Each structure stands twice: as C-alpha cells, then as structure tokens.
Amino acid sequence: GGLLAQGLAPFEAAQAGVFLHGLAGEAFRAERGEAGLLAS
C-alpha cells in the first residue's frame, strides 16, 4: 500500500513489496533469531 501511494503501478508495487518483506524477514532473523516474529 505504501508503494502504491508512492506511485508504483499495482503489479510493480506487489513485486517490490514482497521483495522488501522478505528482506525485512531476513534482517529480523539475523538480528533476533527465527522465533517470536510478529508481522508488525
């Protein structure tokens, strides 16, 4: 939704959002481990 608000087309926003979400998950795991992750 944030990427859509920045002007990305829906498909590109979905692709970028999924990519960013995955990178955020990897960053969380590297810093805090695999257990206890909340999406927020």
Full PDB file with SEQRES, HELIX, SHEET, SSBOND, CRYST1, ORIGX, SCALE, CONECT and MASTER records, all heavy atoms in Angstrom:
SEQRES   1 A   40  GLY GLY LEU LEU ALA GLN GLY LEU ALA PRO PHE GLU ALA          
SEQRES   2 A   40  ALA GLN ALA GLY VAL PHE LEU HIS GLY LEU ALA GLY GLU          
SEQRES   3 A   40  ALA PHE ARG ALA GLU ARG GLY GLU ALA GLY LEU LEU ALA          
SEQRES   4 A   40  SER                                                          
HELIX    1 AA1 GLY A    2  ALA A    5  1                                   4    
HELIX    2 AA2 PRO A   10  ARG A   32  1                                  23    
CRYST1    1.000    1.000    1.000  90.00  90.00  90.00 P 1           1          
ORIGX1      1.000000  0.000000  0.000000        0.00000                         
ORIGX2      0.000000  1.000000  0.000000        0.00000                         
ORIGX3      0.000000  0.000000  1.000000        0.00000                         
SCALE1      1.000000  0.000000  0.000000        0.00000                         
SCALE2      0.000000  1.000000  0.000000        0.00000                         
SCALE3      0.000000  0.000000  1.000000        0.00000                         
ATOM      1  N   GLY A   1       0.814  -1.210   0.000  1.00  0.00           N  
ATOM      2  CA  GLY A   1       0.000   0.000   0.000  1.00  0.00           C  
ATOM      3  C   GLY A   1       0.847   1.258   0.000  1.00  0.00           C  
ATOM      4  O   GLY A   1       0.534   2.227  -0.685  1.00  0.00           O  
ATOM      5  N   GLY A   2       1.934   1.243   0.757  1.00  0.00           N  
ATOM      6  CA  GLY A   2       2.835   2.391   0.780  1.00  0.00           C  
ATOM      7  C   GLY A   2       3.497   2.628  -0.563  1.00  0.00           C  
ATOM      8  O   GLY A   2       3.668   3.768  -0.998  1.00  0.00           O  
ATOM      9  N   LEU A   3       3.862   1.540  -1.231  1.00  0.00           N  
ATOM     10  CA  LEU A   3       4.477   1.665  -2.552  1.00  0.00           C  
ATOM     11  C   LEU A   3       3.468   2.164  -3.583  1.00  0.00           C  
ATOM     12  O   LEU A   3       3.808   2.950  -4.462  1.00  0.00           O  
ATOM     13  CB  LEU A   3       5.087   0.327  -2.977  1.00  0.00           C  
ATOM     14  CG  LEU A   3       6.282  -0.122  -2.122  1.00  0.00           C  
ATOM     15  CD1 LEU A   3       6.617  -1.574  -2.388  1.00  0.00           C  
ATOM     16  CD2 LEU A   3       7.482   0.770  -2.363  1.00  0.00           C  
ATOM     17  N   LEU A   4       2.231   1.719  -3.463  1.00  0.00           N  
ATOM     18  CA  LEU A   4       1.173   2.234  -4.344  1.00  0.00           C  
ATOM     19  C   LEU A   4       1.005   3.736  -4.139  1.00  0.00           C  
ATOM     20  O   LEU A   4       0.870   4.493  -5.108  1.00  0.00           O  
ATOM     21  CB  LEU A   4      -0.153   1.524  -4.077  1.00  0.00           C  
ATOM     22  CG  LEU A   4      -0.277   0.098  -4.578  1.00  0.00           C  
ATOM     23  CD1 LEU A   4      -1.521  -0.558  -3.996  1.00  0.00           C  
ATOM     24  CD2 LEU A   4      -0.316   0.062  -6.100  1.00  0.00           C  
ATOM     25  N   ALA A   5       1.039   4.155  -2.882  1.00  0.00           N  
ATOM     26  CA  ALA A   5       0.888   5.580  -2.567  1.00  0.00           C  
ATOM     27  C   ALA A   5       2.050   6.408  -3.103  1.00  0.00           C  
ATOM     28  O   ALA A   5       1.893   7.602  -3.348  1.00  0.00           O  
ATOM     29  CB  ALA A   5       0.766   5.772  -1.051  1.00  0.00           C  
ATOM     30  N   GLN A   6       3.203   5.772  -3.307  1.00  0.00           N  
ATOM     31  CA  GLN A   6       4.362   6.466  -3.861  1.00  0.00           C  
ATOM     32  C   GLN A   6       4.348   6.494  -5.381  1.00  0.00           C  
ATOM     33  O   GLN A   6       5.254   7.034  -6.000  1.00  0.00           O  
ATOM     34  CB  GLN A   6       5.651   5.800  -3.375  1.00  0.00           C  
ATOM     35  CG  GLN A   6       5.875   5.958  -1.892  1.00  0.00           C  
ATOM     36  CD  GLN A   6       7.117   5.214  -1.422  1.00  0.00           C  
ATOM     37  OE1 GLN A   6       8.161   5.272  -2.072  1.00  0.00           O  
ATOM     38  NE2 GLN A   6       6.997   4.514  -0.318  1.00  0.00           N  
ATOM     39  N   GLY A   7       3.312   5.898  -5.984  1.00  0.00           N  
ATOM     40  CA  GLY A   7       3.153   5.996  -7.426  1.00  0.00           C  
ATOM     41  C   GLY A   7       3.517   4.764  -8.223  1.00  0.00           C  
ATOM     42  O   GLY A   7       3.465   4.800  -9.457  1.00  0.00           O  
ATOM     43  N   LEU A   8       3.892   3.669  -7.582  1.00  0.00           N  
ATOM     44  CA  LEU A   8       4.185   2.463  -8.335  1.00  0.00           C  
ATOM     45  C   LEU A   8       2.899   1.859  -8.882  1.00  0.00           C  
ATOM     46  O   LEU A   8       1.837   1.967  -8.259  1.00  0.00           O  
ATOM     47  CB  LEU A   8       4.888   1.423  -7.455  1.00  0.00           C  
ATOM     48  CG  LEU A   8       6.412   1.432  -7.489  1.00  0.00           C  
ATOM     49  CD1 LEU A   8       6.963   2.672  -6.841  1.00  0.00           C  
ATOM     50  CD2 LEU A   8       6.955   0.187  -6.847  1.00  0.00           C  
ATOM     51  N   ALA A   9       3.000   1.232 -10.032  1.00  0.00           N  
ATOM     52  CA  ALA A   9       1.867   0.511 -10.604  1.00  0.00           C  
ATOM     53  C   ALA A   9       1.568  -0.697  -9.712  1.00  0.00           C  
ATOM     54  O   ALA A   9       2.464  -1.201  -9.023  1.00  0.00           O  
ATOM     55  CB  ALA A   9       2.199   0.063 -12.022  1.00  0.00           C  
ATOM     56  N   PRO A  10       0.322  -1.171  -9.699  1.00  0.00           N  
ATOM     57  CA  PRO A  10      -0.045  -2.259  -8.782  1.00  0.00           C  
ATOM     58  C   PRO A  10       0.848  -3.499  -8.862  1.00  0.00           C  
ATOM     59  O   PRO A  10       1.272  -4.023  -7.828  1.00  0.00           O  
ATOM     60  CB  PRO A  10      -1.487  -2.584  -9.176  1.00  0.00           C  
ATOM     61  CG  PRO A  10      -2.012  -1.282  -9.692  1.00  0.00           C  
ATOM     62  CD  PRO A  10      -0.842  -0.653 -10.413  1.00  0.00           C  
ATOM     63  N   PHE A  11       1.155  -3.977 -10.053  1.00  0.00           N  
ATOM     64  CA  PHE A  11       1.964  -5.186 -10.158  1.00  0.00           C  
ATOM     65  C   PHE A  11       3.382  -4.948  -9.641  1.00  0.00           C  
ATOM     66  O   PHE A  11       3.941  -5.771  -8.909  1.00  0.00           O  
ATOM     67  CB  PHE A  11       2.003  -5.697 -11.604  1.00  0.00           C  
ATOM     68  CG  PHE A  11       2.728  -7.003 -11.755  1.00  0.00           C  
ATOM     69  CD1 PHE A  11       2.144  -8.185 -11.310  1.00  0.00           C  
ATOM     70  CD2 PHE A  11       3.984  -7.051 -12.322  1.00  0.00           C  
ATOM     71  CE1 PHE A  11       2.808  -9.400 -11.434  1.00  0.00           C  
ATOM     72  CE2 PHE A  11       4.661  -8.264 -12.451  1.00  0.00           C  
ATOM     73  CZ  PHE A  11       4.066  -9.436 -12.006  1.00  0.00           C  
ATOM     74  N   GLU A  12       3.978  -3.812  -9.993  1.00  0.00           N  
ATOM     75  CA  GLU A  12       5.320  -3.492  -9.523  1.00  0.00           C  
ATOM     76  C   GLU A  12       5.335  -3.274  -8.007  1.00  0.00           C  
ATOM     77  O   GLU A  12       6.280  -3.657  -7.324  1.00  0.00           O  
ATOM     78  CB  GLU A  12       5.885  -2.274 -10.249  1.00  0.00           C  
ATOM     79  CG  GLU A  12       6.310  -2.545 -11.672  1.00  0.00           C  
ATOM     80  CD  GLU A  12       5.159  -2.624 -12.666  1.00  0.00           C  
ATOM     81  OE1 GLU A  12       4.047  -2.137 -12.353  1.00  0.00           O  
ATOM     82  OE2 GLU A  12       5.363  -3.191 -13.748  1.00  0.00           O  
ATOM     83  N   ALA A  13       4.285  -2.661  -7.481  1.00  0.00           N  
ATOM     84  CA  ALA A  13       4.194  -2.467  -6.037  1.00  0.00           C  
ATOM     85  C   ALA A  13       4.113  -3.809  -5.320  1.00  0.00           C  
ATOM     86  O   ALA A  13       4.742  -4.003  -4.273  1.00  0.00           O  
ATOM     87  CB  ALA A  13       2.978  -1.603  -5.695  1.00  0.00           C  
ATOM     88  N   ALA A  14       3.363  -4.747  -5.888  1.00  0.00           N  
ATOM     89  CA  ALA A  14       3.263  -6.078  -5.287  1.00  0.00           C  
ATOM     90  C   ALA A  14       4.608  -6.783  -5.323  1.00  0.00           C  
ATOM     91  O   ALA A  14       5.041  -7.364  -4.316  1.00  0.00           O  
ATOM     92  CB  ALA A  14       2.211  -6.904  -6.009  1.00  0.00           C  
ATOM     93  N   GLN A  15       5.299  -6.731  -6.453  1.00  0.00           N  
ATOM     94  CA  GLN A  15       6.611  -7.366  -6.559  1.00  0.00           C  
ATOM     95  C   GLN A  15       7.596  -6.758  -5.564  1.00  0.00           C  
ATOM     96  O   GLN A  15       8.292  -7.477  -4.847  1.00  0.00           O  
ATOM     97  CB  GLN A  15       7.179  -7.199  -7.968  1.00  0.00           C  
ATOM     98  CG  GLN A  15       6.526  -8.068  -9.004  1.00  0.00           C  
ATOM     99  CD  GLN A  15       7.143  -7.838 -10.368  1.00  0.00           C  
ATOM    100  OE1 GLN A  15       7.335  -6.702 -10.788  1.00  0.00           O  
ATOM    101  NE2 GLN A  15       7.447  -8.924 -11.059  1.00  0.00           N  
ATOM    102  N   ALA A  16       7.664  -5.450  -5.541  1.00  0.00           N  
ATOM    103  CA  ALA A  16       8.606  -4.774  -4.645  1.00  0.00           C  
ATOM    104  C   ALA A  16       8.240  -5.013  -3.184  1.00  0.00           C  
ATOM    105  O   ALA A  16       9.116  -5.213  -2.339  1.00  0.00           O  
ATOM    106  CB  ALA A  16       8.642  -3.278  -4.950  1.00  0.00           C  
ATOM    107  N   GLY A  17       6.952  -4.998  -2.881  1.00  0.00           N  
ATOM    108  CA  GLY A  17       6.506  -5.227  -1.510  1.00  0.00           C  
ATOM    109  C   GLY A  17       6.880  -6.609  -1.008  1.00  0.00           C  
ATOM    110  O   GLY A  17       7.343  -6.765   0.132  1.00  0.00           O  
ATOM    111  N   VAL A  18       6.700  -7.608  -1.840  1.00  0.00           N  
ATOM    112  CA  VAL A  18       7.067  -8.969  -1.451  1.00  0.00           C  
ATOM    113  C   VAL A  18       8.577  -9.072  -1.255  1.00  0.00           C  
ATOM    114  O   VAL A  18       9.056  -9.679  -0.296  1.00  0.00           O  
ATOM    115  CB  VAL A  18       6.571  -9.989  -2.501  1.00  0.00           C  
ATOM    116  CG1 VAL A  18       7.165 -11.358  -2.283  1.00  0.00           C  
ATOM    117  CG2 VAL A  18       5.046 -10.060  -2.474  1.00  0.00           C  
ATOM    118  N   PHE A  19       9.338  -8.461  -2.147  1.00  0.00           N  
ATOM    119  CA  PHE A  19      10.790  -8.471  -2.039  1.00  0.00           C  
ATOM    120  C   PHE A  19      11.241  -7.796  -0.742  1.00  0.00           C  
ATOM    121  O   PHE A  19      12.046  -8.343   0.010  1.00  0.00           O  
ATOM    122  CB  PHE A  19      11.392  -7.784  -3.263  1.00  0.00           C  
ATOM    123  CG  PHE A  19      12.887  -7.748  -3.285  1.00  0.00           C  
ATOM    124  CD1 PHE A  19      13.628  -8.897  -3.447  1.00  0.00           C  
ATOM    125  CD2 PHE A  19      13.558  -6.544  -3.160  1.00  0.00           C  
ATOM    126  CE1 PHE A  19      15.015  -8.870  -3.478  1.00  0.00           C  
ATOM    127  CE2 PHE A  19      14.937  -6.496  -3.196  1.00  0.00           C  
ATOM    128  CZ  PHE A  19      15.671  -7.665  -3.349  1.00  0.00           C  
ATOM    129  N   LEU A  20      10.712  -6.601  -0.477  1.00  0.00           N  
ATOM    130  CA  LEU A  20      11.078  -5.870   0.740  1.00  0.00           C  
ATOM    131  C   LEU A  20      10.679  -6.639   1.996  1.00  0.00           C  
ATOM    132  O   LEU A  20      11.417  -6.677   2.982  1.00  0.00           O  
ATOM    133  CB  LEU A  20      10.435  -4.486   0.743  1.00  0.00           C  
ATOM    134  CG  LEU A  20      10.958  -3.509  -0.301  1.00  0.00           C  
ATOM    135  CD1 LEU A  20      10.075  -2.264  -0.346  1.00  0.00           C  
ATOM    136  CD2 LEU A  20      12.399  -3.134  -0.023  1.00  0.00           C  
ATOM    137  N   HIS A  21       9.518  -7.255   1.966  1.00  0.00           N  
ATOM    138  CA  HIS A  21       9.034  -8.036   3.103  1.00  0.00           C  
ATOM    139  C   HIS A  21       9.988  -9.198   3.385  1.00  0.00           C  
ATOM    140  O   HIS A  21      10.329  -9.480   4.545  1.00  0.00           O  
ATOM    141  CB  HIS A  21       7.626  -8.552   2.797  1.00  0.00           C  
ATOM    142  CG  HIS A  21       6.952  -9.194   3.953  1.00  0.00           C  
ATOM    143  ND1 HIS A  21       7.023 -10.541   4.191  1.00  0.00           N  
ATOM    144  CD2 HIS A  21       6.198  -8.665   4.929  1.00  0.00           C  
ATOM    145  CE1 HIS A  21       6.331 -10.825   5.278  1.00  0.00           C  
ATOM    146  NE2 HIS A  21       5.833  -9.701   5.747  1.00  0.00           N  
ATOM    147  N   GLY A  22      10.452  -9.858   2.334  1.00  0.00           N  
ATOM    148  CA  GLY A  22      11.404 -10.948   2.507  1.00  0.00           C  
ATOM    149  C   GLY A  22      12.727 -10.477   3.081  1.00  0.00           C  
ATOM    150  O   GLY A  22      13.308 -11.125   3.966  1.00  0.00           O  
ATOM    151  N   LEU A  23      13.225  -9.345   2.574  1.00  0.00           N  
ATOM    152  CA  LEU A  23      14.467  -8.793   3.111  1.00  0.00           C  
ATOM    153  C   LEU A  23      14.316  -8.398   4.577  1.00  0.00           C  
ATOM    154  O   LEU A  23      15.229  -8.598   5.381  1.00  0.00           O  
ATOM    155  CB  LEU A  23      14.911  -7.584   2.289  1.00  0.00           C  
ATOM    156  CG  LEU A  23      15.394  -7.868   0.870  1.00  0.00           C  
ATOM    157  CD1 LEU A  23      15.706  -6.555   0.159  1.00  0.00           C  
ATOM    158  CD2 LEU A  23      16.597  -8.776   0.881  1.00  0.00           C  
ATOM    159  N   ALA A  24      13.163  -7.848   4.927  1.00  0.00           N  
ATOM    160  CA  ALA A  24      12.918  -7.473   6.321  1.00  0.00           C  
ATOM    161  C   ALA A  24      12.913  -8.720   7.206  1.00  0.00           C  
ATOM    162  O   ALA A  24      13.440  -8.696   8.322  1.00  0.00           O  
ATOM    163  CB  ALA A  24      11.599  -6.716   6.443  1.00  0.00           C  
ATOM    164  N   GLY A  25      12.327  -9.801   6.716  1.00  0.00           N  
ATOM    165  CA  GLY A  25      12.336 -11.055   7.472  1.00  0.00           C  
ATOM    166  C   GLY A  25      13.744 -11.585   7.676  1.00  0.00           C  
ATOM    167  O   GLY A  25      14.093 -12.060   8.759  1.00  0.00           O  
ATOM    168  N   GLU A  26      14.571 -11.503   6.632  1.00  0.00           N  
ATOM    169  CA  GLU A  26      15.954 -11.941   6.763  1.00  0.00           C  
ATOM    170  C   GLU A  26      16.723 -11.061   7.746  1.00  0.00           C  
ATOM    171  O   GLU A  26      17.533 -11.556   8.528  1.00  0.00           O  
ATOM    172  CB  GLU A  26      16.644 -11.937   5.403  1.00  0.00           C  
ATOM    173  CG  GLU A  26      16.199 -13.071   4.516  1.00  0.00           C  
ATOM    174  CD  GLU A  26      17.021 -13.164   3.241  1.00  0.00           C  
ATOM    175  OE1 GLU A  26      18.076 -12.493   3.141  1.00  0.00           O  
ATOM    176  OE2 GLU A  26      16.604 -13.906   2.355  1.00  0.00           O  
ATOM    177  N   ALA A  27      16.481  -9.765   7.709  1.00  0.00           N  
ATOM    178  CA  ALA A  27      17.157  -8.850   8.633  1.00  0.00           C  
ATOM    179  C   ALA A  27      16.745  -9.141  10.075  1.00  0.00           C  
ATOM    180  O   ALA A  27      17.581  -9.150  10.980  1.00  0.00           O  
ATOM    181  CB  ALA A  27      16.853  -7.401   8.267  1.00  0.00           C  
ATOM    182  N   PHE A  28      15.459  -9.393  10.285  1.00  0.00           N  
ATOM    183  CA  PHE A  28      14.970  -9.723  11.624  1.00  0.00           C  
ATOM    184  C   PHE A  28      15.643 -10.990  12.133  1.00  0.00           C  
ATOM    185  O   PHE A  28      16.132 -11.042  13.259  1.00  0.00           O  
ATOM    186  CB  PHE A  28      13.453  -9.913  11.607  1.00  0.00           C  
ATOM    187  CG  PHE A  28      12.883 -10.248  12.956  1.00  0.00           C  
ATOM    188  CD1 PHE A  28      12.401  -9.252  13.780  1.00  0.00           C  
ATOM    189  CD2 PHE A  28      12.833 -11.557  13.405  1.00  0.00           C  
ATOM    190  CE1 PHE A  28      11.881  -9.552  15.025  1.00  0.00           C  
ATOM    191  CE2 PHE A  28      12.321 -11.876  14.651  1.00  0.00           C  
ATOM    192  CZ  PHE A  28      11.840 -10.866  15.464  1.00  0.00           C  
ATOM    193  N   ARG A  29      15.665 -12.017  11.284  1.00  0.00           N  
ATOM    194  CA  ARG A  29      16.249 -13.302  11.681  1.00  0.00           C  
ATOM    195  C   ARG A  29      17.731 -13.141  12.039  1.00  0.00           C  
ATOM    196  O   ARG A  29      18.206 -13.703  13.018  1.00  0.00           O  
ATOM    197  CB  ARG A  29      16.096 -14.323  10.569  1.00  0.00           C  
ATOM    198  CG  ARG A  29      16.673 -15.681  10.923  1.00  0.00           C  
ATOM    199  CD  ARG A  29      16.541 -16.618   9.786  1.00  0.00           C  
ATOM    200  NE  ARG A  29      17.002 -15.941   8.580  1.00  0.00           N  
ATOM    201  CZ  ARG A  29      17.683 -16.518   7.623  1.00  0.00           C  
ATOM    202  NH1 ARG A  29      17.980 -17.772   7.697  1.00  0.00           N  
ATOM    203  NH2 ARG A  29      18.058 -15.843   6.565  1.00  0.00           N  
ATOM    204  N   ALA A  30      18.461 -12.360  11.240  1.00  0.00           N  
ATOM    205  CA  ALA A  30      19.881 -12.160  11.511  1.00  0.00           C  
ATOM    206  C   ALA A  30      20.113 -11.441  12.838  1.00  0.00           C  
ATOM    207  O   ALA A  30      21.087 -11.708  13.536  1.00  0.00           O  
ATOM    208  CB  ALA A  30      20.522 -11.367  10.371  1.00  0.00           C  
ATOM    209  N   GLU A  31      19.204 -10.544  13.186  1.00  0.00           N  
ATOM    210  CA  GLU A  31      19.377  -9.745  14.405  1.00  0.00           C  
ATOM    211  C   GLU A  31      18.804 -10.425  15.643  1.00  0.00           C  
ATOM    212  O   GLU A  31      19.387 -10.377  16.710  1.00  0.00           O  
ATOM    213  CB  GLU A  31      18.706  -8.386  14.210  1.00  0.00           C  
ATOM    214  CG  GLU A  31      18.948  -7.424  15.346  1.00  0.00           C  
ATOM    215  CD  GLU A  31      18.347  -6.065  15.066  1.00  0.00           C  
ATOM    216  OE1 GLU A  31      18.740  -5.453  14.055  1.00  0.00           O  
ATOM    217  OE2 GLU A  31      17.482  -5.634  15.842  1.00  0.00           O  
ATOM    218  N   ARG A  32      17.634 -11.079  15.506  1.00  0.00           N  
ATOM    219  CA  ARG A  32      16.916 -11.570  16.682  1.00  0.00           C  
ATOM    220  C   ARG A  32      16.657 -13.074  16.695  1.00  0.00           C  
ATOM    221  O   ARG A  32      16.090 -13.584  17.650  1.00  0.00           O  
ATOM    222  CB  ARG A  32      15.575 -10.854  16.791  1.00  0.00           C  
ATOM    223  CG  ARG A  32      15.698  -9.362  16.930  1.00  0.00           C  
ATOM    224  CD  ARG A  32      14.353  -8.758  17.171  1.00  0.00           C  
ATOM    225  NE  ARG A  32      14.376  -7.322  17.000  1.00  0.00           N  
ATOM    226  CZ  ARG A  32      13.307  -6.561  17.132  1.00  0.00           C  
ATOM    227  NH1 ARG A  32      12.144  -7.093  17.419  1.00  0.00           N  
ATOM    228  NH2 ARG A  32      13.401  -5.272  16.960  1.00  0.00           N  
ATOM    229  N   GLY A  33      16.991 -13.767  15.614  1.00  0.00           N  
ATOM    230  CA  GLY A  33      16.718 -15.198  15.561  1.00  0.00           C  
ATOM    231  C   GLY A  33      15.400 -15.497  14.871  1.00  0.00           C  
ATOM    232  O   GLY A  33      14.689 -14.592  14.428  1.00  0.00           O  
ATOM    233  N   GLU A  34      15.085 -16.781  14.781  1.00  0.00           N  
ATOM    234  CA  GLU A  34      13.916 -17.204  13.999  1.00  0.00           C  
ATOM    235  C   GLU A  34      12.616 -17.235  14.783  1.00  0.00           C  
ATOM    236  O   GLU A  34      11.551 -17.272  14.195  1.00  0.00           O  
ATOM    237  CB  GLU A  34      14.186 -18.577  13.392  1.00  0.00           C  
ATOM    238  CG  GLU A  34      15.294 -18.537  12.373  1.00  0.00           C  
ATOM    239  CD  GLU A  34      15.490 -19.865  11.677  1.00  0.00           C  
ATOM    240  OE1 GLU A  34      14.635 -20.757  11.812  1.00  0.00           O  
ATOM    241  OE2 GLU A  34      16.505 -19.995  10.994  1.00  0.00           O  
ATOM    242  N   ALA A  35      12.668 -17.267  16.090  1.00  0.00           N  
ATOM    243  CA  ALA A  35      11.452 -17.428  16.889  1.00  0.00           C  
ATOM    244  C   ALA A  35      10.894 -16.079  17.323  1.00  0.00           C  
ATOM    245  O   ALA A  35      11.628 -15.121  17.541  1.00  0.00           O  
ATOM    246  CB  ALA A  35      11.746 -18.278  18.119  1.00  0.00           C  
ATOM    247  N   GLY A  36       9.584 -16.009  17.436  1.00  0.00           N  
ATOM    248  CA  GLY A  36       8.930 -14.864  18.035  1.00  0.00           C  
ATOM    249  C   GLY A  36       8.692 -13.670  17.137  1.00  0.00           C  
ATOM    250  O   GLY A  36       8.490 -12.575  17.634  1.00  0.00           O  
ATOM    251  N   LEU A  37       8.678 -13.862  15.860  1.00  0.00           N  
ATOM    252  CA  LEU A  37       8.475 -12.746  14.935  1.00  0.00           C  
ATOM    253  C   LEU A  37       6.999 -12.383  14.831  1.00  0.00           C  
ATOM    254  O   LEU A  37       6.148 -13.243  14.616  1.00  0.00           O  
ATOM    255  CB  LEU A  37       9.004 -13.110  13.544  1.00  0.00           C  
ATOM    256  CG  LEU A  37       8.659 -12.153  12.406  1.00  0.00           C  
ATOM    257  CD1 LEU A  37       9.320 -10.805  12.638  1.00  0.00           C  
ATOM    258  CD2 LEU A  37       9.097 -12.733  11.076  1.00  0.00           C  
ATOM    259  N   LEU A  38       6.711 -11.114  14.985  1.00  0.00           N  
ATOM    260  CA  LEU A  38       5.379 -10.574  14.709  1.00  0.00           C  
ATOM    261  C   LEU A  38       5.465  -9.801  13.403  1.00  0.00           C  
ATOM    262  O   LEU A  38       6.441  -9.085  13.158  1.00  0.00           O  
ATOM    263  CB  LEU A  38       4.921  -9.635  15.822  1.00  0.00           C  
ATOM    264  CG  LEU A  38       4.776 -10.239  17.209  1.00  0.00           C  
ATOM    265  CD1 LEU A  38       4.451  -9.149  18.228  1.00  0.00           C  
ATOM    266  CD2 LEU A  38       3.703 -11.304  17.212  1.00  0.00           C  
ATOM    267  N   ALA A  39       4.468  -9.944  12.564  1.00  0.00           N  
ATOM    268  CA  ALA A  39       4.494  -9.264  11.269  1.00  0.00           C  
ATOM    269  C   ALA A  39       4.692  -7.758  11.422  1.00  0.00           C  
ATOM    270  O   ALA A  39       5.392  -7.133  10.624  1.00  0.00           O  
ATOM    271  CB  ALA A  39       3.212  -9.559  10.500  1.00  0.00           C  
ATOM    272  N   SER A  40       4.125  -7.177  12.456  1.00  0.00           N  
ATOM    273  CA  SER A  40       4.249  -5.734  12.653  1.00  0.00           C  
ATOM    274  C   SER A  40       5.685  -5.308  12.933  1.00  0.00           C  
ATOM    275  O   SER A  40       6.047  -4.148  12.713  1.00  0.00           O  
ATOM    276  CB  SER A  40       3.341  -5.281  13.796  1.00  0.00           C  
ATOM    277  OG  SER A  40       3.697  -5.929  15.003  1.00  0.00           O  
TER     278      SER A  40                                                      
MASTER        0    0    0    2    0    0    0    6  277    1    0    4          
END                                                                             
